[in-house]
C-alpha atoms as a PDB file:
ATOM      1  CA  MET A   1     -19.544  -9.570 -10.096  1.00  0.00           C
ATOM      2  CA  SER A   2     -18.255  -6.096  -9.279  1.00  0.00           C
ATOM      3  CA  ARG A   3     -19.532  -2.979 -10.989  1.00  0.00           C
ATOM      4  CA  ASP A   4     -16.128  -2.709 -12.669  1.00  0.00           C
ATOM      5  CA  TYR A   5     -15.475  -5.011 -15.587  1.00  0.00           C
ATOM      6  CA  VAL A   6     -12.067  -5.172 -17.217  1.00  0.00           C
ATOM      7  CA  CYS A   7     -11.373  -6.898 -20.489  1.00  0.00           C
ATOM      8  CA  GLY A   8      -7.971  -7.474 -22.034  1.00  0.00           C
ATOM      9  CA  SER A   9      -5.518  -4.659 -21.499  1.00  0.00           C
ATOM     10  CA  GLU A  10      -8.171  -2.065 -20.510  1.00  0.00           C
ATOM     11  CA  GLY A  11      -7.062  -2.045 -16.904  1.00  0.00           C
ATOM     12  CA  GLN A  12      -6.173  -4.081 -13.881  1.00  0.00           C
ATOM     13  CA  TYR A  13      -7.828  -4.888 -10.593  1.00  0.00           C
ATOM     14  CA  GLU A  14      -6.202  -3.741  -7.368  1.00  0.00           C
ATOM     15  CA  LYS A  15      -4.191  -6.555  -5.794  1.00  0.00           C
ATOM     16  CA  GLY A  16      -6.018  -7.933  -2.772  1.00  0.00           C
ATOM     17  CA  SER A  17      -9.427  -6.702  -3.900  1.00  0.00           C
ATOM     18  CA  GLY A  18     -10.653 -10.084  -5.114  1.00  0.00           C
ATOM     19  CA  GLU A  19     -11.192  -8.530  -8.557  1.00  0.00           C
ATOM     20  CA  GLN A  20     -13.754  -6.131  -7.082  1.00  0.00           C
ATOM     21  CA  VAL A  21     -11.924  -2.787  -7.355  1.00  0.00           C
ATOM     22  CA  LEU A  22      -9.950  -1.380 -10.281  1.00  0.00           C
ATOM     23  CA  ALA A  23      -6.347  -0.418  -9.571  1.00  0.00           C
ATOM     24  CA  SER A  24      -5.806   3.239  -8.755  1.00  0.00           C
ATOM     25  CA  LYS A  25      -3.236   5.567  -7.243  1.00  0.00           C
ATOM     26  CA  LEU A  26      -5.094   5.358  -3.922  1.00  0.00           C
ATOM     27  CA  GLY A  27      -4.555   1.604  -3.639  1.00  0.00           C
ATOM     28  CA  ILE A  28      -8.075   1.010  -2.312  1.00  0.00           C
ATOM     29  CA  VAL A  29      -9.016  -2.686  -2.133  1.00  0.00           C
ATOM     30  CA  ASN A  30     -12.480  -2.410  -0.534  1.00  0.00           C
ATOM     31  CA  SER A  31     -15.462  -1.392  -2.701  1.00  0.00           C
ATOM     32  CA  ASP A  32     -17.155   0.440   0.207  1.00  0.00           C
ATOM     33  CA  GLU A  33     -14.000   2.472   0.807  1.00  0.00           C
ATOM     34  CA  ARG A  34     -13.785   3.214  -2.927  1.00  0.00           C
ATOM     35  CA  GLU A  35     -17.380   4.462  -2.975  1.00  0.00           C
ATOM     36  CA  GLY A  36     -16.660   6.699   0.018  1.00  0.00           C
ATOM     37  CA  ALA A  37     -13.618   8.155  -1.728  1.00  0.00           C
ATOM     38  CA  GLU A  38     -15.647   8.735  -4.895  1.00  0.00           C
ATOM     39  CA  LEU A  39     -18.345  10.586  -2.943  1.00  0.00           C
ATOM     40  CA  LEU A  40     -15.770  12.736  -1.169  1.00  0.00           C
ATOM     41  CA  LEU A  41     -14.038  13.644  -4.435  1.00  0.00           C
ATOM     42  CA  LEU A  42     -17.371  14.379  -6.129  1.00  0.00           C
ATOM     43  CA  GLU A  43     -18.355  16.671  -3.261  1.00  0.00           C
ATOM     44  CA  GLN A  44     -15.029  18.513  -3.576  1.00  0.00           C
ATOM     45  CA  LEU A  45     -15.585  18.902  -7.321  1.00  0.00           C
ATOM     46  CA  TYR A  46     -19.075  20.354  -6.792  1.00  0.00           C
ATOM     47  CA  GLN A  47     -17.733  22.789  -4.200  1.00  0.00           C
ATOM     48  CA  ASP A  48     -14.941  23.925  -6.526  1.00  0.00           C
ATOM     49  CA  ILE A  49     -17.359  24.467  -9.404  1.00  0.00           C
ATOM     50  CA  PHE A  50     -20.436  25.882  -7.691  1.00  0.00           C
ATOM     51  CA  GLU A  51     -19.108  27.844  -4.703  1.00  0.00           C
ATOM     52  CA  GLU A  52     -17.848  30.643  -6.899  1.00  0.00           C
ATOM     53  CA  PRO A  53     -20.715  33.019  -7.671  1.00  0.00           C
ATOM     54  CA  PHE A  54     -22.059  32.860 -11.188  1.00  0.00           C
ATOM     55  CA  PRO A  55     -21.779  36.056 -13.232  1.00  0.00           C
ATOM     56  CA  LEU A  56     -24.900  38.211 -12.943  1.00  0.00           C
ATOM     57  CA  GLN A  57     -24.612  39.633 -16.430  1.00  0.00           C
ATOM     58  CA  GLN A  58     -25.466  37.859 -19.654  1.00  0.00           C
ATOM     59  CA  ILE A  59     -22.677  35.785 -21.104  1.00  0.00           C
ATOM     60  CA  SER A  60     -22.149  36.019 -24.866  1.00  0.00           C
ATOM     61  CA  VAL A  61     -19.770  34.394 -27.276  1.00  0.00           C
ATOM     62  CA  SER A  62     -18.828  35.877 -30.625  1.00  0.00           C
ATOM     63  CA  LEU A  63     -18.806  33.433 -33.503  1.00  0.00           C
END
């Protein structure tokens, strides 16, 4: 069983993946390739969020 489980109309598996990979815009059919893409996208997200320096002053929010 794949780590992705789809029930009813929740989603669809990518054609040619042997019901191992959920359908996506990337059209990936191999679970190893999907995991590589996920890691790459996660790394890009972390870089976008954490590369900008954090403010040095205290942050406050008025209620």
